[in-house]
N, C-alpha and C. Protein backbone atom coordinates (compact mmCIF):
# COMPACT_ATOMS: atom_id res chain seq x y z
N MET A 1 -8.81 0.29 1.31
CA MET A 1 -9.76 -0.05 0.28
C MET A 1 -9.08 -0.02 -1.09
N ILE A 2 -9.45 -0.96 -1.95
CA ILE A 2 -8.93 -1.01 -3.31
C ILE A 2 -10.05 -0.60 -4.27
N THR A 3 -9.75 0.34 -5.16
CA THR A 3 -10.71 0.79 -6.17
C THR A 3 -10.16 0.48 -7.55
N ASP A 4 -10.85 -0.38 -8.26
CA ASP A 4 -10.47 -0.73 -9.63
C ASP A 4 -10.82 0.45 -10.53
N ILE A 5 -9.86 0.99 -11.26
CA ILE A 5 -10.12 2.12 -12.15
C ILE A 5 -9.92 1.71 -13.62
N SER A 6 -10.08 0.41 -13.88
CA SER A 6 -9.90 -0.13 -15.22
C SER A 6 -11.23 -0.43 -15.89
N GLN A 7 -11.25 -0.31 -17.20
CA GLN A 7 -12.40 -0.76 -17.97
C GLN A 7 -12.31 -2.27 -18.17
N GLU A 8 -13.47 -2.92 -18.25
CA GLU A 8 -13.49 -4.33 -18.67
C GLU A 8 -13.11 -4.35 -20.14
N VAL A 9 -12.24 -5.26 -20.52
CA VAL A 9 -11.62 -5.20 -21.84
C VAL A 9 -12.61 -5.36 -23.00
N PHE A 10 -13.47 -6.38 -22.97
CA PHE A 10 -14.27 -6.68 -24.15
C PHE A 10 -15.46 -5.74 -24.34
N SER A 11 -15.78 -4.96 -23.32
CA SER A 11 -16.84 -3.96 -23.47
C SER A 11 -16.29 -2.54 -23.40
N CYS A 12 -14.97 -2.41 -23.53
CA CYS A 12 -14.31 -1.12 -23.32
C CYS A 12 -14.56 -0.13 -24.45
N ARG A 13 -14.25 1.13 -24.15
CA ARG A 13 -14.25 2.17 -25.17
C ARG A 13 -12.98 2.02 -26.01
N THR A 14 -13.08 2.38 -27.28
CA THR A 14 -11.91 2.33 -28.14
C THR A 14 -11.74 3.68 -28.84
N PHE A 15 -10.51 4.03 -29.13
CA PHE A 15 -10.23 5.25 -29.88
C PHE A 15 -10.78 5.07 -31.30
N PRO A 16 -11.38 6.11 -31.88
CA PRO A 16 -11.95 5.98 -33.23
C PRO A 16 -10.92 5.44 -34.23
N GLY A 17 -11.29 4.37 -34.90
CA GLY A 17 -10.42 3.75 -35.89
C GLY A 17 -9.61 2.58 -35.36
N ASP A 18 -9.46 2.46 -34.04
CA ASP A 18 -8.74 1.32 -33.48
C ASP A 18 -9.63 0.08 -33.51
N PRO A 19 -9.06 -1.09 -33.79
CA PRO A 19 -9.89 -2.30 -33.79
C PRO A 19 -10.32 -2.64 -32.36
N PRO A 20 -11.57 -3.04 -32.17
CA PRO A 20 -12.02 -3.40 -30.82
C PRO A 20 -11.51 -4.78 -30.43
N PRO A 21 -11.41 -5.03 -29.12
CA PRO A 21 -10.95 -6.35 -28.68
C PRO A 21 -12.02 -7.42 -28.93
N THR A 22 -11.56 -8.62 -29.26
CA THR A 22 -12.45 -9.76 -29.49
C THR A 22 -11.83 -11.00 -28.86
N PHE A 23 -12.68 -11.99 -28.60
CA PHE A 23 -12.13 -13.26 -28.13
C PHE A 23 -12.85 -14.43 -28.79
N THR A 24 -12.15 -15.57 -28.83
CA THR A 24 -12.68 -16.82 -29.35
C THR A 24 -12.43 -17.90 -28.31
N ARG A 25 -13.45 -18.69 -28.01
CA ARG A 25 -13.28 -19.82 -27.09
C ARG A 25 -12.72 -20.98 -27.90
N VAL A 26 -11.42 -21.19 -27.80
CA VAL A 26 -10.73 -22.22 -28.57
C VAL A 26 -11.14 -23.60 -28.08
N ASN A 27 -11.10 -23.79 -26.78
CA ASN A 27 -11.58 -25.03 -26.16
C ASN A 27 -12.71 -24.68 -25.21
N SER A 28 -13.70 -25.57 -25.12
CA SER A 28 -14.85 -25.31 -24.26
C SER A 28 -15.31 -26.60 -23.59
N MET A 29 -15.44 -26.56 -22.29
CA MET A 29 -15.95 -27.73 -21.56
C MET A 29 -17.40 -28.02 -21.96
N ASP A 30 -18.15 -26.96 -22.34
CA ASP A 30 -19.53 -27.16 -22.81
C ASP A 30 -19.58 -27.95 -24.11
N ARG A 31 -18.48 -27.93 -24.88
CA ARG A 31 -18.41 -28.70 -26.13
C ARG A 31 -17.69 -30.03 -25.92
N GLY A 32 -17.40 -30.38 -24.68
CA GLY A 32 -16.76 -31.66 -24.38
C GLY A 32 -15.26 -31.61 -24.22
N ASP A 33 -14.66 -30.43 -24.31
CA ASP A 33 -13.21 -30.33 -24.11
C ASP A 33 -12.87 -30.48 -22.63
N MET A 34 -11.64 -30.84 -22.35
CA MET A 34 -11.19 -31.06 -20.98
C MET A 34 -11.14 -29.77 -20.17
N TYR A 35 -10.95 -28.63 -20.85
CA TYR A 35 -10.81 -27.34 -20.17
C TYR A 35 -11.29 -26.23 -21.09
N ASN A 36 -11.47 -25.04 -20.52
CA ASN A 36 -11.79 -23.84 -21.30
C ASN A 36 -10.49 -23.12 -21.65
N LEU A 37 -10.41 -22.63 -22.88
CA LEU A 37 -9.22 -21.92 -23.32
C LEU A 37 -9.66 -20.80 -24.27
N THR A 38 -9.18 -19.59 -23.99
CA THR A 38 -9.61 -18.41 -24.74
C THR A 38 -8.44 -17.79 -25.49
N GLU A 39 -8.68 -17.46 -26.74
CA GLU A 39 -7.74 -16.67 -27.53
C GLU A 39 -8.35 -15.29 -27.70
N PHE A 40 -7.52 -14.24 -27.56
CA PHE A 40 -8.07 -12.91 -27.76
C PHE A 40 -7.17 -12.06 -28.63
N ARG A 41 -7.79 -11.06 -29.26
CA ARG A 41 -7.08 -10.10 -30.11
C ARG A 41 -7.47 -8.71 -29.63
N MET A 42 -6.48 -7.83 -29.58
CA MET A 42 -6.79 -6.45 -29.19
C MET A 42 -5.66 -5.52 -29.61
N CYS A 43 -6.00 -4.27 -29.74
CA CYS A 43 -5.03 -3.20 -29.96
C CYS A 43 -4.37 -2.90 -28.61
N ALA A 44 -3.11 -2.53 -28.63
CA ALA A 44 -2.40 -2.22 -27.38
C ALA A 44 -2.98 -1.01 -26.67
N HIS A 45 -3.84 -0.25 -27.36
CA HIS A 45 -4.40 0.98 -26.79
C HIS A 45 -5.90 0.88 -26.54
N ASN A 46 -6.43 -0.33 -26.48
CA ASN A 46 -7.85 -0.52 -26.12
C ASN A 46 -8.03 -0.36 -24.62
N GLY A 47 -9.20 0.14 -24.23
CA GLY A 47 -9.57 0.20 -22.82
C GLY A 47 -8.56 0.97 -22.00
N THR A 48 -8.33 0.52 -20.77
CA THR A 48 -7.36 1.15 -19.87
C THR A 48 -5.97 0.67 -20.27
N HIS A 49 -5.11 1.61 -20.62
CA HIS A 49 -3.80 1.25 -21.17
C HIS A 49 -2.79 2.37 -20.90
N ILE A 50 -1.54 2.02 -21.12
CA ILE A 50 -0.49 3.04 -21.03
C ILE A 50 0.08 3.30 -22.41
N ASP A 51 0.55 4.53 -22.60
CA ASP A 51 1.31 4.89 -23.79
C ASP A 51 2.77 5.03 -23.38
N ALA A 52 3.63 4.28 -24.05
CA ALA A 52 5.07 4.45 -23.88
C ALA A 52 5.55 5.51 -24.86
N PRO A 53 6.69 6.14 -24.63
CA PRO A 53 7.19 7.16 -25.55
C PRO A 53 7.25 6.71 -27.01
N PHE A 54 7.54 5.42 -27.26
CA PHE A 54 7.64 4.90 -28.62
C PHE A 54 6.34 5.08 -29.42
N HIS A 55 5.23 5.33 -28.75
CA HIS A 55 3.95 5.52 -29.43
C HIS A 55 4.02 6.69 -30.42
N PHE A 56 4.73 7.76 -30.05
CA PHE A 56 4.86 8.92 -30.93
C PHE A 56 6.31 9.31 -31.21
N ILE A 57 7.27 8.66 -30.56
CA ILE A 57 8.68 9.02 -30.71
C ILE A 57 9.43 7.77 -31.14
N ASN A 58 9.91 7.76 -32.37
CA ASN A 58 10.41 6.52 -32.97
C ASN A 58 11.60 5.91 -32.22
N ASP A 59 12.41 6.73 -31.56
CA ASP A 59 13.51 6.17 -30.78
C ASP A 59 13.21 6.23 -29.28
N GLY A 60 11.94 6.42 -28.93
CA GLY A 60 11.53 6.47 -27.52
C GLY A 60 11.45 5.09 -26.90
N LYS A 61 11.34 5.06 -25.60
CA LYS A 61 11.27 3.79 -24.88
C LYS A 61 10.00 3.02 -25.24
N THR A 62 10.16 1.71 -25.36
CA THR A 62 9.03 0.81 -25.55
C THR A 62 8.54 0.35 -24.17
N VAL A 63 7.41 -0.32 -24.15
CA VAL A 63 6.77 -0.72 -22.89
C VAL A 63 7.73 -1.51 -21.99
N ASP A 64 8.45 -2.44 -22.56
CA ASP A 64 9.33 -3.30 -21.77
C ASP A 64 10.53 -2.57 -21.20
N ARG A 65 10.80 -1.35 -21.66
CA ARG A 65 11.94 -0.58 -21.16
C ARG A 65 11.54 0.50 -20.16
N LEU A 66 10.25 0.60 -19.86
CA LEU A 66 9.79 1.62 -18.91
C LEU A 66 10.23 1.28 -17.49
N ASP A 67 10.48 2.29 -16.71
CA ASP A 67 10.76 2.14 -15.29
C ASP A 67 9.41 1.98 -14.58
N LEU A 68 9.17 0.82 -13.99
CA LEU A 68 7.87 0.56 -13.36
C LEU A 68 7.58 1.51 -12.21
N SER A 69 8.61 2.16 -11.67
CA SER A 69 8.35 3.11 -10.58
C SER A 69 7.53 4.30 -11.06
N GLN A 70 7.50 4.54 -12.36
CA GLN A 70 6.64 5.60 -12.89
C GLN A 70 5.16 5.23 -12.76
N LEU A 71 4.88 3.94 -12.76
CA LEU A 71 3.51 3.44 -12.85
C LEU A 71 2.96 2.92 -11.53
N VAL A 72 3.79 2.89 -10.51
CA VAL A 72 3.38 2.40 -9.21
C VAL A 72 3.88 3.36 -8.15
N GLY A 73 2.96 3.89 -7.34
CA GLY A 73 3.35 4.80 -6.27
C GLY A 73 2.24 5.79 -5.96
N ASP A 74 2.54 6.73 -5.09
CA ASP A 74 1.55 7.72 -4.70
C ASP A 74 1.13 8.56 -5.90
N CYS A 75 -0.15 8.89 -5.94
CA CYS A 75 -0.67 9.74 -7.01
C CYS A 75 -1.68 10.71 -6.43
N TYR A 76 -2.02 11.71 -7.24
CA TYR A 76 -3.04 12.68 -6.84
C TYR A 76 -4.14 12.67 -7.89
N VAL A 77 -5.39 12.53 -7.44
CA VAL A 77 -6.55 12.60 -8.32
C VAL A 77 -7.13 14.01 -8.23
N ALA A 78 -7.23 14.65 -9.40
CA ALA A 78 -7.84 15.99 -9.50
C ALA A 78 -9.03 15.89 -10.43
N ARG A 79 -10.10 16.58 -10.11
CA ARG A 79 -11.30 16.55 -10.95
C ARG A 79 -11.40 17.87 -11.72
N ARG A 80 -11.46 17.77 -13.04
CA ARG A 80 -11.54 18.94 -13.91
C ARG A 80 -12.45 18.63 -15.10
N GLU A 81 -12.92 19.69 -15.75
CA GLU A 81 -13.74 19.58 -16.95
C GLU A 81 -13.20 20.53 -18.01
N GLY A 82 -13.34 20.16 -19.28
CA GLY A 82 -12.97 21.04 -20.38
C GLY A 82 -11.47 21.06 -20.67
N ASP A 83 -11.07 22.05 -21.45
CA ASP A 83 -9.67 22.20 -21.84
C ASP A 83 -8.85 22.73 -20.69
N LEU A 84 -7.79 22.02 -20.33
CA LEU A 84 -6.93 22.45 -19.23
C LEU A 84 -5.97 23.55 -19.68
N THR A 85 -5.77 24.52 -18.82
CA THR A 85 -4.83 25.60 -19.07
C THR A 85 -3.63 25.44 -18.13
N SER A 86 -2.63 26.28 -18.32
CA SER A 86 -1.48 26.24 -17.40
C SER A 86 -1.91 26.64 -16.00
N ASP A 87 -2.90 27.52 -15.87
CA ASP A 87 -3.42 27.87 -14.55
C ASP A 87 -4.07 26.67 -13.86
N ASP A 88 -4.78 25.85 -14.64
CA ASP A 88 -5.34 24.61 -14.08
C ASP A 88 -4.23 23.71 -13.55
N VAL A 89 -3.16 23.60 -14.33
CA VAL A 89 -2.03 22.76 -13.92
C VAL A 89 -1.40 23.29 -12.65
N ILE A 90 -1.24 24.60 -12.55
CA ILE A 90 -0.68 25.20 -11.33
C ILE A 90 -1.54 24.82 -10.12
N GLY A 91 -2.85 24.92 -10.26
CA GLY A 91 -3.75 24.56 -9.16
C GLY A 91 -3.67 23.08 -8.81
N ILE A 92 -3.62 22.23 -9.82
CA ILE A 92 -3.51 20.78 -9.59
C ILE A 92 -2.20 20.46 -8.88
N MET A 93 -1.11 21.05 -9.37
CA MET A 93 0.20 20.74 -8.79
C MET A 93 0.33 21.28 -7.37
N GLU A 94 -0.26 22.42 -7.07
CA GLU A 94 -0.24 22.93 -5.69
C GLU A 94 -0.95 21.96 -4.75
N ALA A 95 -2.12 21.48 -5.17
CA ALA A 95 -2.86 20.52 -4.34
C ALA A 95 -2.10 19.21 -4.22
N ALA A 96 -1.49 18.76 -5.31
CA ALA A 96 -0.75 17.49 -5.29
C ALA A 96 0.49 17.59 -4.40
N ARG A 97 1.19 18.71 -4.47
CA ARG A 97 2.36 18.90 -3.60
C ARG A 97 1.93 18.96 -2.14
N GLY A 98 0.81 19.62 -1.88
CA GLY A 98 0.28 19.69 -0.51
C GLY A 98 -0.07 18.32 0.04
N ALA A 99 -0.43 17.39 -0.86
CA ALA A 99 -0.75 16.01 -0.44
C ALA A 99 0.46 15.10 -0.53
N ASP A 100 1.62 15.65 -0.89
CA ASP A 100 2.86 14.89 -1.06
C ASP A 100 2.67 13.76 -2.09
N ALA A 101 2.04 14.11 -3.22
CA ALA A 101 1.76 13.12 -4.26
C ALA A 101 1.82 13.78 -5.65
N ALA A 102 2.90 14.48 -5.93
CA ALA A 102 2.96 15.31 -7.14
C ALA A 102 3.67 14.64 -8.32
N ARG A 103 4.07 13.39 -8.21
CA ARG A 103 4.77 12.74 -9.33
C ARG A 103 3.81 12.10 -10.33
N ARG A 104 2.67 11.65 -9.84
CA ARG A 104 1.68 10.98 -10.70
C ARG A 104 0.35 11.70 -10.54
N ILE A 105 -0.21 12.18 -11.65
CA ILE A 105 -1.45 12.96 -11.62
C ILE A 105 -2.51 12.24 -12.45
N LEU A 106 -3.66 11.98 -11.83
CA LEU A 106 -4.81 11.42 -12.54
C LEU A 106 -5.89 12.48 -12.61
N ILE A 107 -6.44 12.68 -13.79
CA ILE A 107 -7.44 13.72 -13.99
C ILE A 107 -8.80 13.08 -14.22
N ALA A 108 -9.70 13.31 -13.28
CA ALA A 108 -11.06 12.79 -13.38
C ALA A 108 -11.93 13.81 -14.10
N GLY A 109 -12.92 13.33 -14.84
CA GLY A 109 -13.83 14.22 -15.54
C GLY A 109 -13.51 14.30 -17.02
N LYS A 110 -14.33 15.04 -17.74
CA LYS A 110 -14.16 15.19 -19.19
C LYS A 110 -13.18 16.31 -19.48
N ALA A 111 -11.94 16.06 -19.12
CA ALA A 111 -10.88 17.06 -19.28
C ALA A 111 -10.00 16.70 -20.47
N VAL A 112 -9.51 17.72 -21.15
CA VAL A 112 -8.59 17.55 -22.27
C VAL A 112 -7.30 18.28 -21.93
N VAL A 113 -6.19 17.57 -21.99
CA VAL A 113 -4.89 18.19 -21.76
C VAL A 113 -4.50 18.91 -23.05
N THR A 114 -4.40 20.22 -22.98
CA THR A 114 -3.99 21.03 -24.12
C THR A 114 -2.46 21.06 -24.19
N ALA A 115 -1.93 21.59 -25.29
CA ALA A 115 -0.47 21.72 -25.41
C ALA A 115 0.08 22.62 -24.31
N GLU A 116 -0.64 23.68 -23.98
CA GLU A 116 -0.24 24.58 -22.89
C GLU A 116 -0.15 23.82 -21.56
N ALA A 117 -1.16 23.02 -21.28
CA ALA A 117 -1.17 22.24 -20.03
C ALA A 117 -0.09 21.17 -20.05
N ALA A 118 0.10 20.53 -21.21
CA ALA A 118 1.13 19.48 -21.32
C ALA A 118 2.50 20.05 -21.00
N SER A 119 2.81 21.23 -21.54
CA SER A 119 4.10 21.87 -21.27
C SER A 119 4.25 22.19 -19.78
N ALA A 120 3.16 22.63 -19.15
CA ALA A 120 3.21 22.94 -17.72
C ALA A 120 3.43 21.67 -16.89
N PHE A 121 2.78 20.58 -17.26
CA PHE A 121 3.00 19.31 -16.55
C PHE A 121 4.44 18.84 -16.73
N ALA A 122 4.97 18.98 -17.94
CA ALA A 122 6.35 18.55 -18.20
C ALA A 122 7.33 19.36 -17.36
N GLN A 123 7.09 20.67 -17.25
CA GLN A 123 7.97 21.52 -16.44
C GLN A 123 7.83 21.22 -14.95
N ALA A 124 6.70 20.68 -14.54
CA ALA A 124 6.46 20.39 -13.12
C ALA A 124 7.14 19.09 -12.66
N GLY A 125 7.67 18.33 -13.60
CA GLY A 125 8.41 17.13 -13.24
C GLY A 125 7.57 15.89 -12.94
N VAL A 126 6.35 15.85 -13.43
CA VAL A 126 5.54 14.65 -13.21
C VAL A 126 6.08 13.50 -14.06
N VAL A 127 5.81 12.26 -13.64
CA VAL A 127 6.29 11.09 -14.38
C VAL A 127 5.14 10.32 -15.03
N LEU A 128 3.89 10.65 -14.65
CA LEU A 128 2.73 9.97 -15.21
C LEU A 128 1.54 10.93 -15.20
N ILE A 129 0.80 10.94 -16.29
CA ILE A 129 -0.47 11.65 -16.39
C ILE A 129 -1.52 10.64 -16.79
N GLY A 130 -2.63 10.59 -16.05
CA GLY A 130 -3.72 9.69 -16.39
C GLY A 130 -5.00 10.47 -16.60
N ASN A 131 -5.87 9.92 -17.46
CA ASN A 131 -7.16 10.57 -17.68
C ASN A 131 -8.21 9.54 -18.10
N GLU A 132 -9.47 10.00 -18.13
CA GLU A 132 -10.57 9.09 -18.41
C GLU A 132 -10.83 8.90 -19.90
N SER A 133 -10.36 9.80 -20.74
CA SER A 133 -10.55 9.68 -22.18
C SER A 133 -9.62 8.59 -22.73
N GLN A 134 -9.89 8.17 -23.96
CA GLN A 134 -9.00 7.20 -24.61
C GLN A 134 -7.75 7.86 -25.15
N THR A 135 -7.65 9.18 -25.03
CA THR A 135 -6.43 9.90 -25.39
C THR A 135 -6.27 11.09 -24.45
N VAL A 136 -5.04 11.43 -24.11
CA VAL A 136 -4.81 12.55 -23.21
C VAL A 136 -5.09 13.88 -23.89
N GLY A 137 -4.66 14.01 -25.13
CA GLY A 137 -4.85 15.26 -25.86
C GLY A 137 -6.19 15.30 -26.57
N PRO A 138 -6.42 16.34 -27.37
CA PRO A 138 -7.67 16.43 -28.13
C PRO A 138 -7.82 15.22 -29.05
N GLU A 139 -9.01 14.64 -29.09
CA GLU A 139 -9.22 13.43 -29.88
C GLU A 139 -8.95 13.66 -31.36
N ASP A 140 -9.25 14.84 -31.87
CA ASP A 140 -9.08 15.10 -33.29
C ASP A 140 -7.65 15.55 -33.65
N ALA A 141 -6.80 15.79 -32.65
CA ALA A 141 -5.42 16.22 -32.91
C ALA A 141 -4.54 15.89 -31.71
N PRO A 142 -4.29 14.59 -31.45
CA PRO A 142 -3.56 14.20 -30.24
C PRO A 142 -2.04 14.31 -30.33
N ALA A 143 -1.48 14.48 -31.52
CA ALA A 143 -0.04 14.35 -31.69
C ALA A 143 0.78 15.36 -30.88
N GLN A 144 0.41 16.64 -30.91
CA GLN A 144 1.23 17.65 -30.23
C GLN A 144 1.33 17.39 -28.74
N VAL A 145 0.21 17.09 -28.10
CA VAL A 145 0.21 16.85 -26.65
C VAL A 145 1.00 15.59 -26.33
N HIS A 146 0.81 14.54 -27.13
CA HIS A 146 1.56 13.30 -26.90
C HIS A 146 3.06 13.55 -27.05
N ASN A 147 3.45 14.29 -28.07
CA ASN A 147 4.88 14.56 -28.27
C ASN A 147 5.48 15.35 -27.12
N ILE A 148 4.74 16.32 -26.59
CA ILE A 148 5.25 17.10 -25.45
C ILE A 148 5.44 16.20 -24.23
N LEU A 149 4.40 15.44 -23.88
CA LEU A 149 4.45 14.63 -22.67
C LEU A 149 5.39 13.44 -22.82
N LEU A 150 5.22 12.66 -23.89
CA LEU A 150 6.08 11.49 -24.08
C LEU A 150 7.53 11.92 -24.31
N GLY A 151 7.73 13.07 -24.97
CA GLY A 151 9.07 13.59 -25.18
C GLY A 151 9.77 13.97 -23.88
N ALA A 152 8.97 14.29 -22.86
CA ALA A 152 9.52 14.61 -21.54
C ALA A 152 9.67 13.35 -20.68
N GLY A 153 9.39 12.18 -21.26
CA GLY A 153 9.53 10.93 -20.52
C GLY A 153 8.34 10.62 -19.63
N ILE A 154 7.24 11.32 -19.82
CA ILE A 154 6.04 11.11 -19.01
C ILE A 154 5.23 9.97 -19.62
N VAL A 155 4.90 8.98 -18.81
CA VAL A 155 4.05 7.87 -19.26
C VAL A 155 2.60 8.31 -19.17
N LEU A 156 1.80 7.92 -20.15
CA LEU A 156 0.39 8.27 -20.19
C LEU A 156 -0.46 7.05 -19.82
N LEU A 157 -1.41 7.27 -18.93
CA LEU A 157 -2.36 6.23 -18.51
C LEU A 157 -3.73 6.67 -18.97
N GLU A 158 -4.22 6.05 -20.03
CA GLU A 158 -5.45 6.52 -20.67
C GLU A 158 -6.59 5.53 -20.45
N GLY A 159 -7.82 6.07 -20.48
CA GLY A 159 -9.00 5.22 -20.37
C GLY A 159 -9.28 4.71 -18.97
N ILE A 160 -8.86 5.45 -17.95
CA ILE A 160 -9.17 5.04 -16.58
C ILE A 160 -10.61 5.44 -16.24
N VAL A 161 -11.14 4.85 -15.18
CA VAL A 161 -12.52 5.11 -14.75
C VAL A 161 -12.47 5.65 -13.33
N LEU A 162 -12.83 6.91 -13.17
CA LEU A 162 -12.72 7.56 -11.86
C LEU A 162 -14.08 8.01 -11.31
N ASP A 163 -15.16 7.39 -11.78
CA ASP A 163 -16.49 7.68 -11.23
C ASP A 163 -16.48 7.43 -9.73
N GLY A 164 -16.91 8.41 -8.97
CA GLY A 164 -17.02 8.24 -7.53
C GLY A 164 -15.71 8.33 -6.77
N VAL A 165 -14.60 8.57 -7.46
CA VAL A 165 -13.30 8.71 -6.78
C VAL A 165 -13.12 10.18 -6.41
N ALA A 166 -12.96 10.45 -5.14
CA ALA A 166 -12.80 11.83 -4.66
C ALA A 166 -11.40 12.34 -4.96
N GLU A 167 -11.28 13.65 -5.06
CA GLU A 167 -9.95 14.25 -5.21
C GLU A 167 -9.10 13.89 -4.00
N GLY A 168 -7.82 13.76 -4.22
CA GLY A 168 -6.91 13.50 -3.11
C GLY A 168 -5.81 12.53 -3.46
N ARG A 169 -5.11 12.10 -2.42
CA ARG A 169 -3.95 11.23 -2.56
C ARG A 169 -4.36 9.76 -2.48
N TYR A 170 -3.76 8.95 -3.35
CA TYR A 170 -3.97 7.50 -3.39
C TYR A 170 -2.65 6.83 -3.72
N PHE A 171 -2.64 5.51 -3.58
CA PHE A 171 -1.51 4.72 -4.06
C PHE A 171 -1.98 4.05 -5.35
N LEU A 172 -1.26 4.27 -6.44
CA LEU A 172 -1.62 3.77 -7.76
C LEU A 172 -0.77 2.57 -8.14
N SER A 173 -1.42 1.56 -8.69
CA SER A 173 -0.72 0.47 -9.37
C SER A 173 -1.28 0.39 -10.78
N ALA A 174 -0.45 0.64 -11.77
CA ALA A 174 -0.89 0.61 -13.16
C ALA A 174 0.19 -0.03 -14.04
N ALA A 175 0.79 -1.08 -13.54
CA ALA A 175 1.84 -1.76 -14.31
C ALA A 175 1.24 -2.41 -15.55
N PRO A 176 1.83 -2.16 -16.72
CA PRO A 176 1.30 -2.74 -17.96
C PRO A 176 1.81 -4.16 -18.17
N LEU A 177 1.16 -4.87 -19.11
CA LEU A 177 1.71 -6.14 -19.57
C LEU A 177 3.08 -5.87 -20.16
N ASN A 178 4.00 -6.78 -19.98
CA ASN A 178 5.37 -6.62 -20.45
C ASN A 178 5.45 -7.03 -21.92
N LEU A 179 5.02 -6.12 -22.80
CA LEU A 179 4.97 -6.38 -24.23
C LEU A 179 6.22 -5.83 -24.89
N GLY A 180 7.19 -6.70 -25.14
CA GLY A 180 8.47 -6.28 -25.71
C GLY A 180 8.32 -5.59 -27.04
N GLY A 181 8.94 -4.41 -27.17
CA GLY A 181 8.96 -3.68 -28.42
C GLY A 181 7.70 -2.92 -28.74
N CYS A 182 6.74 -2.88 -27.83
CA CYS A 182 5.45 -2.26 -28.13
C CYS A 182 5.37 -0.81 -27.66
N ASP A 183 4.46 -0.07 -28.30
CA ASP A 183 4.24 1.35 -28.05
C ASP A 183 3.24 1.61 -26.94
N GLY A 184 2.51 0.60 -26.53
CA GLY A 184 1.52 0.72 -25.47
C GLY A 184 1.16 -0.65 -24.96
N ALA A 185 0.38 -0.70 -23.88
CA ALA A 185 -0.03 -1.99 -23.33
C ALA A 185 -1.21 -1.81 -22.40
N PRO A 186 -2.12 -2.78 -22.40
CA PRO A 186 -3.22 -2.73 -21.44
C PRO A 186 -2.69 -2.95 -20.02
N CYS A 187 -3.43 -2.44 -19.05
CA CYS A 187 -3.06 -2.66 -17.65
C CYS A 187 -4.32 -2.74 -16.80
N ARG A 188 -4.21 -3.38 -15.65
CA ARG A 188 -5.27 -3.40 -14.64
C ARG A 188 -4.88 -2.35 -13.62
N ALA A 189 -5.42 -1.16 -13.76
CA ALA A 189 -5.06 -0.06 -12.87
C ALA A 189 -6.00 -0.03 -11.67
N TYR A 190 -5.43 0.21 -10.50
CA TYR A 190 -6.26 0.36 -9.30
C TYR A 190 -5.62 1.32 -8.32
N LEU A 191 -6.49 1.87 -7.46
CA LEU A 191 -6.07 2.79 -6.41
C LEU A 191 -6.23 2.14 -5.06
N MET A 192 -5.31 2.42 -4.16
CA MET A 192 -5.42 1.96 -2.79
C MET A 192 -5.40 3.17 -1.87
N THR A 193 -6.22 3.13 -0.83
CA THR A 193 -6.18 4.21 0.15
C THR A 193 -5.07 3.96 1.15
N GLU A 194 -4.76 4.98 1.90
CA GLU A 194 -3.61 5.00 2.81
C GLU A 194 -3.50 3.76 3.69
N GLY A 195 -4.61 3.30 4.24
CA GLY A 195 -4.57 2.18 5.18
C GLY A 195 -4.20 0.85 4.58
N MET A 196 -4.19 0.73 3.24
CA MET A 196 -3.93 -0.54 2.59
C MET A 196 -2.44 -0.80 2.34
N ARG A 197 -1.60 0.24 2.41
CA ARG A 197 -0.19 0.06 2.05
C ARG A 197 0.62 -0.53 3.15
């Protein structure tokens, strides 16, 4: 089974202050044009998207330089609420290792990765952290958590939708658009269950 965990772009949530996505129908068959053609504008961090290290680290990797193996492969979905502690991370990583899916962690629920949790994830050797919020860290102060995770080479997958997704192991595909020189990029993220691979 395939489960789409992406937001629809034009109705998506946006981080406070980021411009929302918009589109214009440049050509329209309803207006007598031969075909429909759409132009769109959006922030690289609208809706479901990835953060590359360059988002907070000036000499960090840009989207086009990321290793796609970080964004595609087995993952573990854990459901948590509130501010994550290092003890939460220990529990998540034990479950993920038990499922043989400890490199990519997706956090379902209204969870906030704290600096303490970010350091624990970095020490655990994960390559991707995903969450349902438009930012992994606290919305009012995201820099410290981003610097810890992105500084450790961990790619962030933000704005995913995990309603109805049970905890456990899945196969994740979250490859971003290949936007050269950019700090982030939208992606169509989805999960596949074991039988689909």
